[in-house]
């Protein structure tokens, strides 16, 4: 599973999650910095990414339009880059189960 980190998440996270989430990236690293959510959503669909975000916008679009893409919604508040990396690493099995095995559209991580 490859992740597309939303603009609200640091691009510096990417190297630290490659082992668990190969070929992951962040929107600024692919030239989508300051793009609207619909553009990013379409990119995720076209390129088979799971979107990782801290806001409700992508979840709302999934409710309206369905999946793909799948969403990881981090409801962890403001936290450091290290804490975000740890959250994604520690929850990898739960993410995989919810999104891939159970075919859920979104997993919320608190």
N, C-alpha and C. Protein backbone atom coordinates (compact mmCIF):
# COMPACT_ATOMS: atom_id res chain seq x y z
N UNK A 1 0.85 -1.17 0.00
CA UNK A 1 0.00 0.00 0.00
C UNK A 1 0.89 1.23 0.00
N UNK A 2 0.64 2.15 -0.93
CA UNK A 2 1.43 3.37 -0.97
C UNK A 2 0.55 4.55 -0.55
N UNK A 3 1.17 5.43 0.22
CA UNK A 3 0.45 6.55 0.82
C UNK A 3 0.79 7.85 0.10
N UNK A 4 -0.22 8.72 0.01
CA UNK A 4 -0.04 10.08 -0.48
C UNK A 4 -0.37 11.01 0.69
N UNK A 5 0.67 11.61 1.26
CA UNK A 5 0.49 12.51 2.39
C UNK A 5 -0.03 13.85 1.91
N UNK A 6 -1.08 14.32 2.55
CA UNK A 6 -1.68 15.60 2.22
C UNK A 6 -0.71 16.73 2.57
N UNK A 7 -1.02 17.90 2.08
CA UNK A 7 -0.17 19.08 2.28
C UNK A 7 0.00 19.42 3.76
N UNK A 8 -0.95 19.02 4.60
CA UNK A 8 -0.87 19.33 6.02
C UNK A 8 0.07 18.39 6.78
N UNK A 9 0.74 17.49 6.07
CA UNK A 9 1.73 16.58 6.67
C UNK A 9 3.09 16.82 6.02
N UNK A 10 4.12 16.77 6.80
CA UNK A 10 5.47 17.09 6.33
C UNK A 10 5.98 16.11 5.29
N UNK A 11 6.62 16.65 4.28
CA UNK A 11 7.27 15.81 3.26
C UNK A 11 8.44 15.04 3.86
N UNK A 12 8.94 15.50 4.99
CA UNK A 12 10.08 14.84 5.64
C UNK A 12 9.71 13.50 6.28
N UNK A 13 8.43 13.21 6.34
CA UNK A 13 7.96 11.93 6.87
C UNK A 13 8.25 10.80 5.88
N UNK A 14 8.20 11.10 4.61
CA UNK A 14 8.23 10.07 3.55
C UNK A 14 9.38 9.08 3.69
N UNK A 15 10.64 9.50 3.86
CA UNK A 15 11.72 8.51 3.93
C UNK A 15 11.57 7.52 5.10
N UNK A 16 10.91 7.95 6.16
CA UNK A 16 10.80 7.12 7.36
C UNK A 16 9.69 6.07 7.27
N UNK A 17 8.80 6.20 6.28
CA UNK A 17 7.70 5.24 6.16
C UNK A 17 7.85 4.32 4.95
N UNK A 18 8.90 4.52 4.17
CA UNK A 18 9.08 3.73 2.94
C UNK A 18 9.16 2.24 3.19
N UNK A 19 9.72 1.83 4.32
CA UNK A 19 9.83 0.40 4.62
C UNK A 19 8.48 -0.29 4.75
N UNK A 20 7.54 0.38 5.36
CA UNK A 20 6.19 -0.19 5.55
C UNK A 20 5.24 0.19 4.43
N UNK A 21 5.47 1.34 3.83
CA UNK A 21 4.59 1.85 2.78
C UNK A 21 5.42 2.24 1.56
N UNK A 22 5.93 1.25 0.81
CA UNK A 22 6.81 1.55 -0.33
C UNK A 22 6.14 2.45 -1.37
N UNK A 23 6.94 3.30 -1.98
CA UNK A 23 6.51 4.22 -3.04
C UNK A 23 5.56 5.31 -2.56
N UNK A 24 5.53 5.54 -1.27
CA UNK A 24 4.72 6.63 -0.73
C UNK A 24 5.37 7.97 -1.05
N UNK A 25 4.55 9.04 -1.00
CA UNK A 25 5.06 10.37 -1.28
C UNK A 25 4.17 11.41 -0.59
N UNK A 26 4.48 12.65 -0.82
CA UNK A 26 3.73 13.77 -0.27
C UNK A 26 3.40 14.71 -1.42
N UNK A 27 2.28 15.40 -1.34
CA UNK A 27 1.78 16.18 -2.49
C UNK A 27 2.80 17.18 -3.05
N UNK A 28 3.57 17.82 -2.19
CA UNK A 28 4.56 18.79 -2.69
C UNK A 28 5.67 18.11 -3.48
N UNK A 29 5.98 16.88 -3.14
CA UNK A 29 7.06 16.15 -3.82
C UNK A 29 6.68 15.73 -5.24
N UNK A 30 5.39 15.78 -5.56
CA UNK A 30 4.93 15.40 -6.91
C UNK A 30 4.33 16.60 -7.66
N UNK A 31 4.60 17.79 -7.15
CA UNK A 31 4.18 19.00 -7.85
C UNK A 31 2.73 19.40 -7.63
N UNK A 32 2.10 18.87 -6.57
CA UNK A 32 0.71 19.21 -6.31
C UNK A 32 0.53 20.14 -5.10
N UNK A 33 1.63 20.78 -4.70
CA UNK A 33 1.54 21.72 -3.60
C UNK A 33 0.56 22.84 -3.96
N UNK A 34 -0.32 23.17 -3.06
CA UNK A 34 -1.35 24.19 -3.22
C UNK A 34 -2.43 23.80 -4.23
N UNK A 35 -2.48 22.52 -4.64
CA UNK A 35 -3.58 22.06 -5.49
C UNK A 35 -4.82 21.87 -4.64
N UNK A 36 -5.98 21.97 -5.26
CA UNK A 36 -7.20 21.77 -4.49
C UNK A 36 -7.39 20.27 -4.20
N UNK A 37 -8.25 19.99 -3.23
CA UNK A 37 -8.47 18.62 -2.79
C UNK A 37 -8.99 17.71 -3.90
N UNK A 38 -9.80 18.24 -4.79
CA UNK A 38 -10.32 17.41 -5.89
C UNK A 38 -9.21 16.95 -6.82
N UNK A 39 -8.26 17.83 -7.11
CA UNK A 39 -7.13 17.48 -7.96
C UNK A 39 -6.28 16.39 -7.30
N UNK A 40 -6.02 16.56 -6.02
CA UNK A 40 -5.23 15.58 -5.28
C UNK A 40 -5.97 14.25 -5.21
N UNK A 41 -7.27 14.30 -4.99
CA UNK A 41 -8.08 13.08 -4.95
C UNK A 41 -7.99 12.33 -6.28
N UNK A 42 -8.13 13.04 -7.39
CA UNK A 42 -8.05 12.41 -8.71
C UNK A 42 -6.66 11.82 -8.96
N UNK A 43 -5.64 12.51 -8.51
CA UNK A 43 -4.28 11.97 -8.66
C UNK A 43 -4.15 10.67 -7.87
N UNK A 44 -4.68 10.65 -6.66
CA UNK A 44 -4.63 9.43 -5.84
C UNK A 44 -5.36 8.29 -6.53
N UNK A 45 -6.51 8.56 -7.09
CA UNK A 45 -7.28 7.52 -7.80
C UNK A 45 -6.48 7.01 -8.99
N UNK A 46 -5.97 7.91 -9.81
CA UNK A 46 -5.26 7.54 -11.04
C UNK A 46 -3.97 6.78 -10.76
N UNK A 47 -3.38 7.00 -9.57
CA UNK A 47 -2.08 6.41 -9.27
C UNK A 47 -2.11 5.43 -8.10
N UNK A 48 -3.31 5.01 -7.71
CA UNK A 48 -3.50 3.97 -6.69
C UNK A 48 -2.85 4.30 -5.35
N UNK A 49 -3.10 5.53 -4.87
CA UNK A 49 -2.62 5.94 -3.56
C UNK A 49 -3.73 5.91 -2.54
N UNK A 50 -3.36 5.71 -1.28
CA UNK A 50 -4.23 5.93 -0.13
C UNK A 50 -3.86 7.32 0.40
N UNK A 51 -4.84 8.19 0.58
CA UNK A 51 -4.57 9.55 1.06
C UNK A 51 -4.49 9.56 2.57
N UNK A 52 -3.46 10.22 3.10
CA UNK A 52 -3.30 10.42 4.53
C UNK A 52 -3.50 11.90 4.79
N UNK A 53 -4.42 12.23 5.68
CA UNK A 53 -4.77 13.63 5.91
C UNK A 53 -5.12 13.87 7.37
N UNK A 54 -5.15 15.13 7.75
CA UNK A 54 -5.58 15.51 9.09
C UNK A 54 -6.92 16.24 9.09
N UNK A 55 -7.53 16.39 7.92
CA UNK A 55 -8.81 17.10 7.89
C UNK A 55 -9.91 16.24 7.27
N UNK A 56 -11.12 16.71 7.37
CA UNK A 56 -12.30 15.93 6.98
C UNK A 56 -12.64 16.01 5.49
N UNK A 57 -11.97 16.86 4.74
CA UNK A 57 -12.36 17.10 3.35
C UNK A 57 -12.39 15.83 2.49
N UNK A 58 -11.35 15.01 2.59
CA UNK A 58 -11.30 13.80 1.76
C UNK A 58 -12.34 12.79 2.21
N UNK A 59 -12.58 12.71 3.51
CA UNK A 59 -13.62 11.82 4.01
C UNK A 59 -14.98 12.26 3.45
N UNK A 60 -15.23 13.56 3.48
CA UNK A 60 -16.50 14.08 2.96
C UNK A 60 -16.66 13.74 1.47
N UNK A 61 -15.59 13.85 0.69
CA UNK A 61 -15.66 13.50 -0.72
C UNK A 61 -15.90 12.00 -0.91
N UNK A 62 -15.32 11.18 -0.04
CA UNK A 62 -15.55 9.74 -0.12
C UNK A 62 -17.00 9.40 0.18
N UNK A 63 -17.59 10.08 1.14
CA UNK A 63 -19.01 9.87 1.43
C UNK A 63 -19.85 10.25 0.22
N UNK A 64 -19.51 11.34 -0.42
CA UNK A 64 -20.26 11.84 -1.57
C UNK A 64 -20.03 11.02 -2.84
N UNK A 65 -18.77 10.69 -3.14
CA UNK A 65 -18.43 10.05 -4.41
C UNK A 65 -18.05 8.58 -4.30
N UNK A 66 -17.86 8.08 -3.08
CA UNK A 66 -17.43 6.70 -2.90
C UNK A 66 -15.92 6.56 -3.04
N UNK A 67 -15.48 5.33 -3.00
CA UNK A 67 -14.06 5.05 -3.14
C UNK A 67 -13.76 4.42 -4.48
N UNK A 68 -12.57 4.46 -4.99
CA UNK A 68 -11.36 4.99 -4.38
C UNK A 68 -11.35 6.52 -4.35
N UNK A 69 -10.41 7.13 -3.73
CA UNK A 69 -9.32 6.54 -2.97
C UNK A 69 -9.75 6.21 -1.55
N UNK A 70 -8.95 5.41 -0.90
CA UNK A 70 -9.16 5.13 0.51
C UNK A 70 -8.45 6.23 1.30
N UNK A 71 -8.90 6.40 2.54
CA UNK A 71 -8.41 7.52 3.35
C UNK A 71 -7.91 7.03 4.71
N UNK A 72 -6.77 7.57 5.13
CA UNK A 72 -6.31 7.46 6.52
C UNK A 72 -6.47 8.85 7.10
N UNK A 73 -7.39 8.98 8.04
CA UNK A 73 -7.69 10.28 8.64
C UNK A 73 -7.04 10.32 10.01
N UNK A 74 -5.98 11.10 10.13
CA UNK A 74 -5.26 11.24 11.40
C UNK A 74 -5.94 12.30 12.26
N UNK A 75 -6.62 11.84 13.29
CA UNK A 75 -7.29 12.76 14.21
C UNK A 75 -6.45 12.89 15.48
N UNK A 76 -5.18 13.10 15.27
CA UNK A 76 -4.22 13.11 16.37
C UNK A 76 -3.86 14.52 16.82
N UNK A 77 -4.48 15.51 16.25
CA UNK A 77 -4.16 16.89 16.60
C UNK A 77 -2.78 17.27 16.12
N UNK A 78 -2.30 18.39 16.58
CA UNK A 78 -0.96 18.83 16.19
C UNK A 78 0.06 17.96 16.92
N UNK A 79 0.87 17.29 16.14
CA UNK A 79 1.92 16.47 16.73
C UNK A 79 3.19 16.60 15.90
N UNK A 80 4.28 16.19 16.47
CA UNK A 80 5.56 16.30 15.79
C UNK A 80 5.65 15.34 14.61
N UNK A 81 6.63 15.59 13.77
CA UNK A 81 6.90 14.69 12.65
C UNK A 81 7.18 13.29 13.18
N UNK A 82 7.97 13.18 14.23
CA UNK A 82 8.31 11.88 14.81
C UNK A 82 7.07 11.16 15.33
N UNK A 83 6.16 11.89 15.93
CA UNK A 83 4.92 11.28 16.44
C UNK A 83 4.04 10.79 15.29
N UNK A 84 3.99 11.54 14.20
CA UNK A 84 3.21 11.13 13.03
C UNK A 84 3.80 9.87 12.42
N UNK A 85 5.12 9.83 12.31
CA UNK A 85 5.80 8.63 11.78
C UNK A 85 5.46 7.44 12.65
N UNK A 86 5.58 7.60 13.96
CA UNK A 86 5.29 6.51 14.90
C UNK A 86 3.84 6.06 14.78
N UNK A 87 2.92 6.99 14.62
CA UNK A 87 1.50 6.66 14.45
C UNK A 87 1.29 5.80 13.21
N UNK A 88 1.88 6.18 12.10
CA UNK A 88 1.73 5.40 10.87
C UNK A 88 2.40 4.04 10.98
N UNK A 89 3.54 3.98 11.65
CA UNK A 89 4.23 2.71 11.82
C UNK A 89 3.47 1.79 12.77
N UNK A 90 3.07 2.32 13.92
CA UNK A 90 2.40 1.50 14.94
C UNK A 90 1.03 0.99 14.49
N UNK A 91 0.40 1.71 13.58
CA UNK A 91 -0.95 1.34 13.14
C UNK A 91 -0.98 0.65 11.77
N UNK A 92 0.18 0.26 11.25
CA UNK A 92 0.25 -0.31 9.91
C UNK A 92 -0.65 -1.53 9.75
N UNK A 93 -0.66 -2.43 10.71
CA UNK A 93 -1.49 -3.64 10.59
C UNK A 93 -2.98 -3.29 10.64
N UNK A 94 -3.37 -2.38 11.51
CA UNK A 94 -4.78 -1.97 11.59
C UNK A 94 -5.21 -1.26 10.31
N UNK A 95 -4.32 -0.46 9.76
CA UNK A 95 -4.61 0.25 8.50
C UNK A 95 -4.80 -0.76 7.38
N UNK A 96 -3.87 -1.69 7.27
CA UNK A 96 -3.94 -2.71 6.23
C UNK A 96 -5.23 -3.53 6.36
N UNK A 97 -5.56 -3.92 7.56
CA UNK A 97 -6.76 -4.73 7.77
C UNK A 97 -8.01 -3.94 7.38
N UNK A 98 -8.14 -2.73 7.88
CA UNK A 98 -9.34 -1.94 7.62
C UNK A 98 -9.51 -1.61 6.15
N UNK A 99 -8.45 -1.12 5.52
CA UNK A 99 -8.58 -0.63 4.15
C UNK A 99 -8.48 -1.73 3.09
N UNK A 100 -7.64 -2.71 3.31
CA UNK A 100 -7.43 -3.72 2.28
C UNK A 100 -8.25 -4.99 2.53
N UNK A 101 -8.18 -5.51 3.72
CA UNK A 101 -8.88 -6.76 4.00
C UNK A 101 -10.37 -6.55 4.21
N UNK A 102 -10.73 -5.53 4.96
CA UNK A 102 -12.14 -5.26 5.25
C UNK A 102 -12.78 -4.32 4.22
N UNK A 103 -11.98 -3.78 3.31
CA UNK A 103 -12.43 -2.89 2.23
C UNK A 103 -13.19 -1.65 2.72
N UNK A 104 -12.76 -1.13 3.86
CA UNK A 104 -13.36 0.12 4.35
C UNK A 104 -12.79 1.29 3.54
N UNK A 105 -13.57 2.33 3.44
CA UNK A 105 -13.16 3.50 2.68
C UNK A 105 -12.23 4.40 3.47
N UNK A 106 -12.35 4.34 4.80
CA UNK A 106 -11.60 5.27 5.64
C UNK A 106 -11.29 4.61 6.98
N UNK A 107 -10.10 4.89 7.49
CA UNK A 107 -9.78 4.53 8.86
C UNK A 107 -9.42 5.81 9.59
N UNK A 108 -10.02 5.99 10.75
CA UNK A 108 -9.73 7.16 11.57
C UNK A 108 -8.79 6.71 12.67
N UNK A 109 -7.69 7.42 12.81
CA UNK A 109 -6.71 7.11 13.85
C UNK A 109 -6.70 8.25 14.84
N UNK A 110 -7.01 7.93 16.08
CA UNK A 110 -7.10 8.93 17.14
C UNK A 110 -5.81 9.04 17.91
